[in-house]
Amino acid sequence: MILIAMTIGLIGGLILGFGLDITYPAEFSFYITMALLASLDSILGAARAQFEDKYNGIIFFTGFITNAILAAALTYLGDLLGVPLYYAAIFVFGGRLFNNLAMIRRIVVEKYVLKKDTNQSKK
C-alpha cells in the first residue's frame, strides 16, 4: 500500500513538474539540485525499507527533513565561505542512491527467483 502511494506521489510530482511552467533564478540551482538529491535519497531509502519490511513513517519523515536541511545548510555555508561544501552532500546522497537502488534490485530479483522456484515445485 505504501509503495503504491509513493509511486502515485512520484508520478503526480513528475506530471506537475513537467506540466507547470515553473522557473527559478539561476543562483538557486545548487539548492534545487541538493533538494532533489535529498528527496531521491529519502524516497529510495523508504522504498528499500518497504521491500525489507522495515518501513517506518516517522523515520522516513524525519530523515527527509534532516537530509533537506543538511543539504541546504552545506550549500549555503559553502556559498558564504566560497568553498564547494555541497560536494559532500552530492557524494553521500549519490553513493546512497546507488546503494539503495542496488539493494532494491537485489531484493526484487530474489523475490522473483523465489516465486519462480515455488511455482515450479508446485507443478
Foldseek 3Di string as FASTA:
>chain_A
DVVVVLVVVVVVVVCCVVVDDDDDDPVCPQLVVQLVLLVLLLSLVQVLCVLVVNHDPVVSVVSSVVSSVVLNVQPVVCVVVVHNSNVVSCVVSVVSNVVSVVSSVVSVVVVVVVVVVVVVVVD
